[in-house]
Amino acid sequence: MLYYLLQYINEVFDPPGFGVVEYITFRASAAAITSLLITILAGPRLIRFLRSKYIEPVKEEAPAEHRQKKKELPTMGGTLIIFSVLVSGLLWAKLDDPYVWLIFLSVLWMGTIGFIDDYRKVVLKIKGGLSAKYKLIGQVSLGLFIGLYTRLDPAFSVLLSETTIPFFKDLMIDYGWWYIPVVVFIITAVSNAVNLTDGLDGLAAGTCGIVVFGLGGFAYLGGNTVYAEYLDITYIPGGGEVTIVSMAIVMACVGFLWFNSHPAEIFMGDTGSLALGSAIAVIALLIKQELLLPVLAGTFLIETLSVSLQVAWFKYTKWQYGEGKRIFLMAPLHHHYQMKGWAEEKIVIRFWIITLLFFLASLMTLKLR
């Protein structure tokens, strides 16, 4: 909205300097600053409100020290992230760009599912919150909508079933009608992976910020004909606007860390983790970088695999030997290191460092192509 106002002023009055509003880099920076300021300024008031009403029960299976430290902290802080992203995106992005609205939709859709889960746990005191079945229905329905819409709408002709394979030049695969199941799987998998990672102060917010920053960079390159041709990546007409929303998400995560870094004053809850996870998945799908996610979002993959391996090994050993055994002291993996006695801050920072390494590895795919 602010973009259109500044554009109108530039066209009618032609004041010096106002032409920069047409540049993606300027509006992405403006969206980032706006998102950061909204998060930091609105955070204290939200924390006071949530602390008086919405204290999240700590998971019983968490380490004892973890339960003791986190038992009086408010949740649903993801509402702050969602609000910051939507406001800054609406102010600075081109609202006739369908990519922008699909990202907004994914954030609101899964943010609402997460909010219902948090509300049931915190307010209604229903153990476990929203059942896994209904969360899955929400994820699958979003995936079906995104898949069908991008498949059938002519405006998304570039988003047909073909996609590039990282590390290989001119190697494409065509999903065909498998495209829609792939979209459903990626949205479900990534949103669940971020949800699993949200277990320590600042872990999910910092990791998401790094991953979305990487996706925003790829969106900027893919939305520019010169860069896309030079780097041999799929050109996405209008995809540059994804960069603006991506930077709003990045700085909403950074602003949230102002309150969520150790010792945390607030949790994002499923409201934030499911919204961020779906945003990551949808952004990657829209810019045709979904197959890069195992590299760029490798931290989320490791966390998910730790849970899957733990459960599978426990069931197998119980069936084989009559007693279940564990690979890790506790899953997801961050709790394993907690049980080993690592300080929470050290675990989080080391996971951030690993995520940065994955980010750099993803950049290597550009030149290797």
Protein backbone atom coordinates (compact mmCIF):
# COMPACT_ATOMS: atom_id res chain seq x y z
CA MET A 1 0.00 0.00 0.00
CA LEU A 2 2.81 2.37 0.88
CA TYR A 3 4.49 1.28 -2.34
CA TYR A 4 1.49 2.49 -4.36
CA LEU A 5 1.41 5.82 -2.51
CA LEU A 6 5.09 6.46 -3.18
CA GLN A 7 4.68 5.32 -6.77
CA TYR A 8 1.81 7.78 -7.25
CA ILE A 9 3.85 10.63 -5.75
CA ASN A 10 6.76 9.74 -8.02
CA GLU A 11 4.62 9.65 -11.17
CA VAL A 12 2.63 12.83 -10.43
CA PHE A 13 5.18 15.09 -8.76
CA ASP A 14 8.45 13.44 -9.83
CA PRO A 15 10.42 14.41 -6.68
CA PRO A 16 14.09 13.44 -6.73
CA GLY A 17 14.90 10.05 -5.26
CA PHE A 18 11.38 8.60 -5.23
CA GLY A 19 12.15 6.40 -8.23
CA VAL A 20 13.94 3.94 -5.93
CA VAL A 21 10.53 2.62 -4.87
CA GLU A 22 10.52 0.56 -8.08
CA TYR A 23 13.64 -1.35 -7.06
CA ILE A 24 13.20 -4.76 -5.43
CA THR A 25 16.26 -4.20 -3.25
CA PHE A 26 14.88 -0.93 -1.84
CA ARG A 27 11.45 -2.35 -1.06
CA ALA A 28 12.92 -5.56 0.37
CA SER A 29 15.09 -3.47 2.71
CA ALA A 30 12.12 -1.28 3.63
CA ALA A 31 9.96 -4.34 4.34
CA ALA A 32 12.74 -5.81 6.48
CA ILE A 33 13.12 -2.65 8.56
CA THR A 34 9.35 -2.28 8.93
CA SER A 35 8.95 -5.89 10.03
CA LEU A 36 11.78 -5.62 12.54
CA LEU A 37 10.44 -2.40 14.07
CA ILE A 38 6.89 -3.74 14.34
CA THR A 39 8.11 -6.89 16.08
CA ILE A 40 10.34 -5.08 18.56
CA LEU A 41 7.84 -2.31 19.34
CA ALA A 42 4.76 -4.52 19.62
CA GLY A 43 6.55 -7.35 21.43
CA PRO A 44 6.47 -6.03 25.03
CA ARG A 45 2.74 -5.28 24.93
CA LEU A 46 1.96 -8.71 23.49
CA ILE A 47 4.12 -10.42 26.11
CA ARG A 48 2.31 -8.63 28.93
CA PHE A 49 -1.05 -9.61 27.48
CA LEU A 50 -0.13 -13.25 26.90
CA ARG A 51 1.59 -13.60 30.27
CA SER A 52 -1.66 -12.68 31.99
CA LYS A 53 -3.65 -15.31 30.10
CA TYR A 54 -1.74 -17.80 28.02
CA ILE A 55 1.02 -19.79 29.74
CA GLU A 56 1.97 -22.87 27.74
CA PRO A 57 2.25 -26.19 29.59
CA VAL A 58 5.75 -27.60 29.06
CA LYS A 59 5.95 -31.01 27.40
CA GLU A 60 6.18 -33.75 30.01
CA GLU A 61 8.78 -35.65 27.99
CA ALA A 62 11.18 -32.67 27.98
CA PRO A 63 14.25 -32.76 30.27
CA ALA A 64 13.46 -31.93 33.90
CA GLU A 65 15.63 -28.78 33.94
CA HIS A 66 13.95 -27.62 30.74
CA ARG A 67 10.48 -28.08 32.26
CA GLN A 68 11.45 -26.12 35.36
CA LYS A 69 12.83 -23.13 33.44
CA LYS A 70 10.04 -22.85 30.86
CA LYS A 71 6.95 -23.48 32.94
CA GLU A 72 5.87 -19.85 33.37
CA LEU A 73 6.43 -18.52 29.87
CA PRO A 74 3.62 -17.36 27.53
CA THR A 75 3.11 -18.87 24.10
CA MET A 76 1.33 -17.85 20.88
CA GLY A 77 4.17 -15.44 20.14
CA GLY A 78 3.87 -16.55 16.54
CA THR A 79 1.00 -14.08 16.23
CA LEU A 80 3.60 -11.32 16.47
CA ILE A 81 5.61 -12.83 13.60
CA ILE A 82 2.51 -13.26 11.43
CA PHE A 83 1.30 -9.71 12.13
CA SER A 84 4.70 -8.20 11.31
CA VAL A 85 5.02 -10.16 8.07
CA LEU A 86 1.53 -9.31 6.83
CA VAL A 87 1.73 -5.60 7.64
CA SER A 88 5.19 -5.05 6.16
CA GLY A 89 4.36 -7.19 3.12
CA LEU A 90 1.14 -5.30 2.46
CA LEU A 91 2.97 -2.00 2.77
CA TRP A 92 5.87 -2.72 0.43
CA ALA A 93 5.00 -5.55 -1.97
CA LYS A 94 3.07 -5.28 -5.21
CA LEU A 95 -0.38 -6.52 -4.29
CA ASP A 96 -1.24 -7.58 -7.83
CA ASP A 97 1.47 -10.24 -7.63
CA PRO A 98 -0.10 -13.68 -7.00
CA TYR A 99 3.09 -15.03 -5.43
CA VAL A 100 2.71 -12.59 -2.56
CA TRP A 101 -0.84 -13.68 -1.83
CA LEU A 102 0.03 -17.38 -1.90
CA ILE A 103 2.71 -16.81 0.74
CA PHE A 104 0.30 -14.74 2.83
CA LEU A 105 -2.26 -17.51 2.48
CA SER A 106 0.18 -20.18 3.65
CA VAL A 107 1.23 -18.10 6.68
CA LEU A 108 -2.38 -17.40 7.69
CA TRP A 109 -3.62 -20.92 6.93
CA MET A 110 -1.10 -22.83 9.01
CA GLY A 111 -0.82 -20.00 11.54
CA THR A 112 -4.53 -20.46 12.22
CA ILE A 113 -4.10 -24.24 12.60
CA GLY A 114 -1.25 -23.59 15.02
CA PHE A 115 -3.26 -20.99 16.93
CA ILE A 116 -6.14 -23.44 17.40
CA ASP A 117 -3.63 -26.01 18.71
CA ASP A 118 -2.08 -23.51 21.13
CA TYR A 119 -5.49 -22.24 22.26
CA ARG A 120 -6.71 -25.76 23.03
CA LYS A 121 -3.57 -26.51 25.05
CA VAL A 122 -3.25 -23.23 26.89
CA VAL A 123 -6.78 -21.91 27.34
CA LEU A 124 -8.98 -24.98 27.17
CA LYS A 125 -6.33 -27.10 28.96
CA ILE A 126 -6.78 -29.97 26.50
CA LYS A 127 -3.69 -32.14 26.74
CA GLY A 128 -1.97 -32.41 23.38
CA GLY A 129 -3.97 -29.55 21.86
CA LEU A 130 -5.23 -30.18 18.36
CA SER A 131 -4.92 -33.82 17.35
CA ALA A 132 -2.33 -34.80 14.78
CA LYS A 133 -5.13 -35.86 12.43
CA TYR A 134 -6.58 -32.35 12.21
CA LYS A 135 -3.14 -30.77 11.83
CA LEU A 136 -2.50 -33.15 8.94
CA ILE A 137 -5.84 -32.24 7.37
CA GLY A 138 -4.84 -28.57 7.53
CA GLN A 139 -1.44 -29.23 5.96
CA VAL A 140 -2.78 -31.48 3.22
CA SER A 141 -5.62 -29.09 2.36
CA LEU A 142 -3.16 -26.20 2.02
CA GLY A 143 -0.91 -28.36 -0.16
CA LEU A 144 -3.83 -29.37 -2.37
CA PHE A 145 -4.91 -25.77 -2.80
CA ILE A 146 -1.40 -24.51 -3.63
CA GLY A 147 -0.74 -27.44 -5.95
CA LEU A 148 -4.00 -27.20 -7.86
CA TYR A 149 -3.94 -23.41 -8.05
CA THR A 150 -0.40 -23.14 -9.39
CA ARG A 151 -0.99 -26.09 -11.73
CA LEU A 152 -4.22 -24.82 -13.27
CA ASP A 153 -3.97 -21.01 -13.22
CA PRO A 154 -2.39 -19.71 -16.48
CA ALA A 155 -0.70 -16.93 -14.49
CA PHE A 156 1.59 -19.62 -13.06
CA SER A 157 2.52 -21.23 -16.37
CA VAL A 158 6.19 -21.19 -15.31
CA LEU A 159 5.20 -23.30 -12.31
CA LEU A 160 4.31 -26.34 -14.34
CA SER A 161 5.48 -29.71 -13.15
CA GLU A 162 9.08 -29.30 -14.30
CA THR A 163 11.76 -28.36 -11.80
CA THR A 164 15.54 -28.11 -11.73
CA ILE A 165 17.84 -30.44 -9.81
CA PRO A 166 20.49 -28.76 -7.62
CA PHE A 167 24.17 -29.31 -8.51
CA PHE A 168 23.31 -30.36 -12.10
CA LYS A 169 23.25 -28.11 -15.13
CA ASP A 170 20.31 -28.40 -17.56
CA LEU A 171 18.94 -31.42 -15.71
CA MET A 172 15.20 -31.19 -15.23
CA ILE A 173 12.56 -33.55 -13.96
CA ASP A 174 8.88 -33.46 -14.76
CA TYR A 175 6.57 -34.48 -11.94
CA GLY A 176 3.56 -34.64 -14.25
CA TRP A 177 0.45 -35.01 -12.11
CA TRP A 178 2.71 -36.12 -9.28
CA TYR A 179 3.35 -32.40 -8.89
CA ILE A 180 0.35 -31.98 -6.59
CA PRO A 181 1.28 -34.88 -4.24
CA VAL A 182 4.84 -33.47 -4.16
CA VAL A 183 3.50 -30.05 -3.12
CA VAL A 184 1.36 -31.65 -0.40
CA PHE A 185 4.31 -33.68 0.88
CA ILE A 186 6.74 -30.75 0.96
CA ILE A 187 4.33 -28.42 2.79
CA THR A 188 3.44 -31.13 5.31
CA ALA A 189 7.02 -32.23 5.85
CA VAL A 190 8.59 -28.79 6.22
CA SER A 191 5.89 -27.37 8.52
CA ASN A 192 6.22 -30.43 10.77
CA ALA A 193 10.03 -30.19 10.68
CA VAL A 194 10.03 -26.58 11.87
CA ASN A 195 7.50 -27.52 14.55
CA LEU A 196 9.84 -30.26 15.82
CA THR A 197 12.80 -27.87 15.83
CA ASP A 198 10.96 -25.33 17.99
CA GLY A 199 12.18 -26.67 21.32
CA LEU A 200 14.87 -24.33 22.63
CA ASP A 201 15.07 -20.56 23.08
CA GLY A 202 15.73 -18.97 19.69
CA LEU A 203 16.40 -22.23 17.86
CA ALA A 204 13.48 -22.22 15.40
CA ALA A 205 13.39 -18.44 14.92
CA GLY A 206 17.11 -18.17 14.16
CA THR A 207 17.18 -21.21 11.90
CA CYS A 208 14.09 -20.08 9.98
CA GLY A 209 15.60 -16.63 9.53
CA ILE A 210 18.72 -18.08 7.89
CA VAL A 211 16.76 -20.45 5.65
CA VAL A 212 14.28 -17.80 4.47
CA PHE A 213 17.14 -15.37 3.85
CA GLY A 214 18.63 -17.96 1.50
CA LEU A 215 15.31 -18.49 -0.26
CA GLY A 216 14.86 -14.73 -0.59
CA GLY A 217 18.22 -14.53 -2.33
CA PHE A 218 17.25 -17.27 -4.77
CA ALA A 219 13.91 -15.52 -5.36
CA TYR A 220 15.70 -12.28 -6.23
CA LEU A 221 18.02 -14.06 -8.68
CA GLY A 222 15.19 -16.08 -10.23
CA GLY A 223 13.04 -12.98 -10.66
CA ASN A 224 15.73 -11.17 -12.66
CA THR A 225 16.09 -12.21 -16.31
CA VAL A 226 19.82 -11.39 -16.46
CA TYR A 227 20.80 -13.24 -13.29
CA ALA A 228 18.50 -16.18 -14.04
CA GLU A 229 19.99 -16.64 -17.51
CA TYR A 230 23.58 -16.25 -16.31
CA LEU A 231 23.15 -18.69 -13.41
CA ASP A 232 21.00 -21.07 -15.46
CA ILE A 233 18.11 -21.11 -12.99
CA THR A 234 14.39 -20.95 -13.72
CA TYR A 235 13.21 -17.42 -14.47
CA ILE A 236 10.08 -16.64 -12.45
CA PRO A 237 8.23 -13.59 -13.87
CA GLY A 238 7.12 -11.51 -10.91
CA GLY A 239 9.01 -13.78 -8.54
CA GLY A 240 11.13 -10.90 -7.35
CA GLU A 241 8.25 -9.83 -5.11
CA VAL A 242 8.85 -13.03 -3.14
CA THR A 243 12.11 -11.42 -1.99
CA ILE A 244 10.18 -8.62 -0.30
CA VAL A 245 7.95 -10.97 1.69
CA SER A 246 10.96 -13.21 2.44
CA MET A 247 12.88 -10.32 3.96
CA ALA A 248 9.84 -9.38 6.02
CA ILE A 249 9.81 -12.94 7.39
CA VAL A 250 13.56 -12.90 8.05
CA MET A 251 13.43 -9.71 10.10
CA ALA A 252 10.25 -10.79 11.90
CA CYS A 253 12.29 -13.80 13.06
CA VAL A 254 15.20 -11.54 14.04
CA GLY A 255 12.85 -9.22 15.91
CA PHE A 256 11.26 -12.18 17.66
CA LEU A 257 14.74 -13.24 18.81
CA TRP A 258 14.85 -9.95 20.73
CA PHE A 259 12.39 -11.62 23.13
CA ASN A 260 12.89 -15.31 22.38
CA SER A 261 16.67 -15.57 22.74
CA HIS A 262 17.88 -17.26 25.92
CA PRO A 263 16.46 -16.74 28.49
CA ALA A 264 13.22 -16.47 26.50
CA GLU A 265 10.37 -14.17 27.50
CA ILE A 266 7.91 -15.78 25.06
CA PHE A 267 7.50 -18.85 22.85
CA MET A 268 6.28 -18.75 19.25
CA GLY A 269 4.17 -21.87 19.81
CA ASP A 270 2.65 -23.88 17.00
CA THR A 271 1.15 -20.59 15.80
CA GLY A 272 4.60 -19.47 14.70
CA SER A 273 6.34 -22.74 13.88
CA LEU A 274 3.62 -24.07 11.57
CA ALA A 275 3.24 -20.67 9.87
CA LEU A 276 6.99 -20.34 9.28
CA GLY A 277 7.33 -23.93 8.10
CA SER A 278 4.54 -23.56 5.55
CA ALA A 279 6.01 -20.24 4.37
CA ILE A 280 9.41 -21.86 3.78
CA ALA A 281 7.82 -24.71 1.83
CA VAL A 282 5.61 -22.47 -0.32
CA ILE A 283 8.40 -19.99 -1.09
CA ALA A 284 10.67 -22.85 -2.19
CA LEU A 285 7.92 -24.29 -4.39
CA LEU A 286 7.07 -20.94 -5.97
CA ILE A 287 10.67 -20.22 -6.97
CA LYS A 288 11.31 -23.82 -8.10
CA GLN A 289 13.90 -24.54 -5.40
CA GLU A 290 11.99 -27.21 -3.49
CA LEU A 291 14.67 -29.85 -4.21
CA LEU A 292 17.23 -27.54 -2.64
CA LEU A 293 15.45 -27.68 0.73
CA PRO A 294 17.29 -30.81 1.98
CA VAL A 295 20.49 -28.76 1.64
CA LEU A 296 19.38 -25.26 2.61
CA ALA A 297 17.04 -26.49 5.36
CA GLY A 298 19.31 -29.38 6.36
CA THR A 299 18.97 -28.57 10.07
CA PHE A 300 15.24 -29.22 9.92
CA LEU A 301 15.91 -32.46 8.04
CA ILE A 302 18.35 -33.65 10.70
CA GLU A 303 15.91 -32.85 13.50
CA THR A 304 13.13 -34.75 11.72
CA LEU A 305 15.34 -37.74 10.96
CA SER A 306 16.41 -37.94 14.61
CA VAL A 307 12.78 -38.37 15.63
CA SER A 308 12.01 -40.86 12.84
CA LEU A 309 15.09 -42.97 13.58
CA GLN A 310 14.43 -42.91 17.31
CA VAL A 311 10.85 -44.11 16.91
CA ALA A 312 11.69 -46.72 14.26
CA TRP A 313 14.63 -48.17 16.23
CA PHE A 314 12.62 -48.27 19.46
CA LYS A 315 9.76 -50.16 17.78
CA TYR A 316 12.11 -52.54 15.98
CA THR A 317 14.13 -53.43 19.08
CA LYS A 318 10.96 -53.85 21.12
CA TRP A 319 9.59 -56.24 18.50
CA GLN A 320 12.91 -58.05 18.09
CA TYR A 321 14.13 -58.23 21.68
CA GLY A 322 11.07 -57.44 23.77
CA GLU A 323 12.60 -54.19 25.04
CA GLY A 324 12.76 -50.92 23.16
CA LYS A 325 16.15 -49.26 22.78
CA ARG A 326 17.05 -45.70 21.79
CA ILE A 327 19.65 -44.26 19.46
CA PHE A 328 19.61 -40.83 21.12
CA LEU A 329 19.16 -39.92 24.77
CA MET A 330 16.10 -37.96 23.64
CA ALA A 331 14.64 -36.78 20.35
CA PRO A 332 14.50 -34.34 18.60
CA LEU A 333 18.27 -34.04 18.44
CA HIS A 334 18.54 -30.75 20.36
CA HIS A 335 17.15 -32.48 23.47
CA HIS A 336 19.79 -35.21 23.08
CA TYR A 337 22.49 -32.61 23.59
CA GLN A 338 20.56 -31.12 26.49
CA MET A 339 20.61 -34.52 28.16
CA LYS A 340 24.37 -34.69 27.55
CA GLY A 341 24.74 -31.52 29.62
CA TRP A 342 25.32 -28.94 26.89
CA ALA A 343 24.22 -25.42 27.75
CA GLU A 344 21.07 -24.37 25.91
CA GLU A 345 22.73 -21.30 24.38
CA LYS A 346 25.59 -23.44 23.05
CA ILE A 347 23.22 -25.91 21.40
CA VAL A 348 21.25 -23.12 19.72
CA ILE A 349 24.31 -21.24 18.44
CA ARG A 350 25.90 -24.43 17.14
CA PHE A 351 22.71 -25.33 15.31
CA TRP A 352 22.70 -21.82 13.81
CA ILE A 353 26.30 -22.34 12.67
CA ILE A 354 25.36 -25.65 11.06
CA THR A 355 22.44 -23.92 9.32
CA LEU A 356 24.83 -21.26 7.99
CA LEU A 357 27.03 -24.05 6.59
CA PHE A 358 23.99 -25.52 4.84
CA PHE A 359 23.19 -22.03 3.51
CA LEU A 360 26.70 -21.71 2.04
CA ALA A 361 26.44 -25.18 0.54
CA SER A 362 23.21 -24.15 -1.16
CA LEU A 363 24.97 -21.14 -2.71
CA MET A 364 27.57 -23.51 -4.17
CA THR A 365 24.85 -25.10 -6.28
CA LEU A 366 24.65 -21.90 -8.33
CA LYS A 367 28.24 -22.13 -9.59
CA LEU A 368 28.33 -25.90 -9.83
CA ARG A 369 25.44 -25.64 -12.26
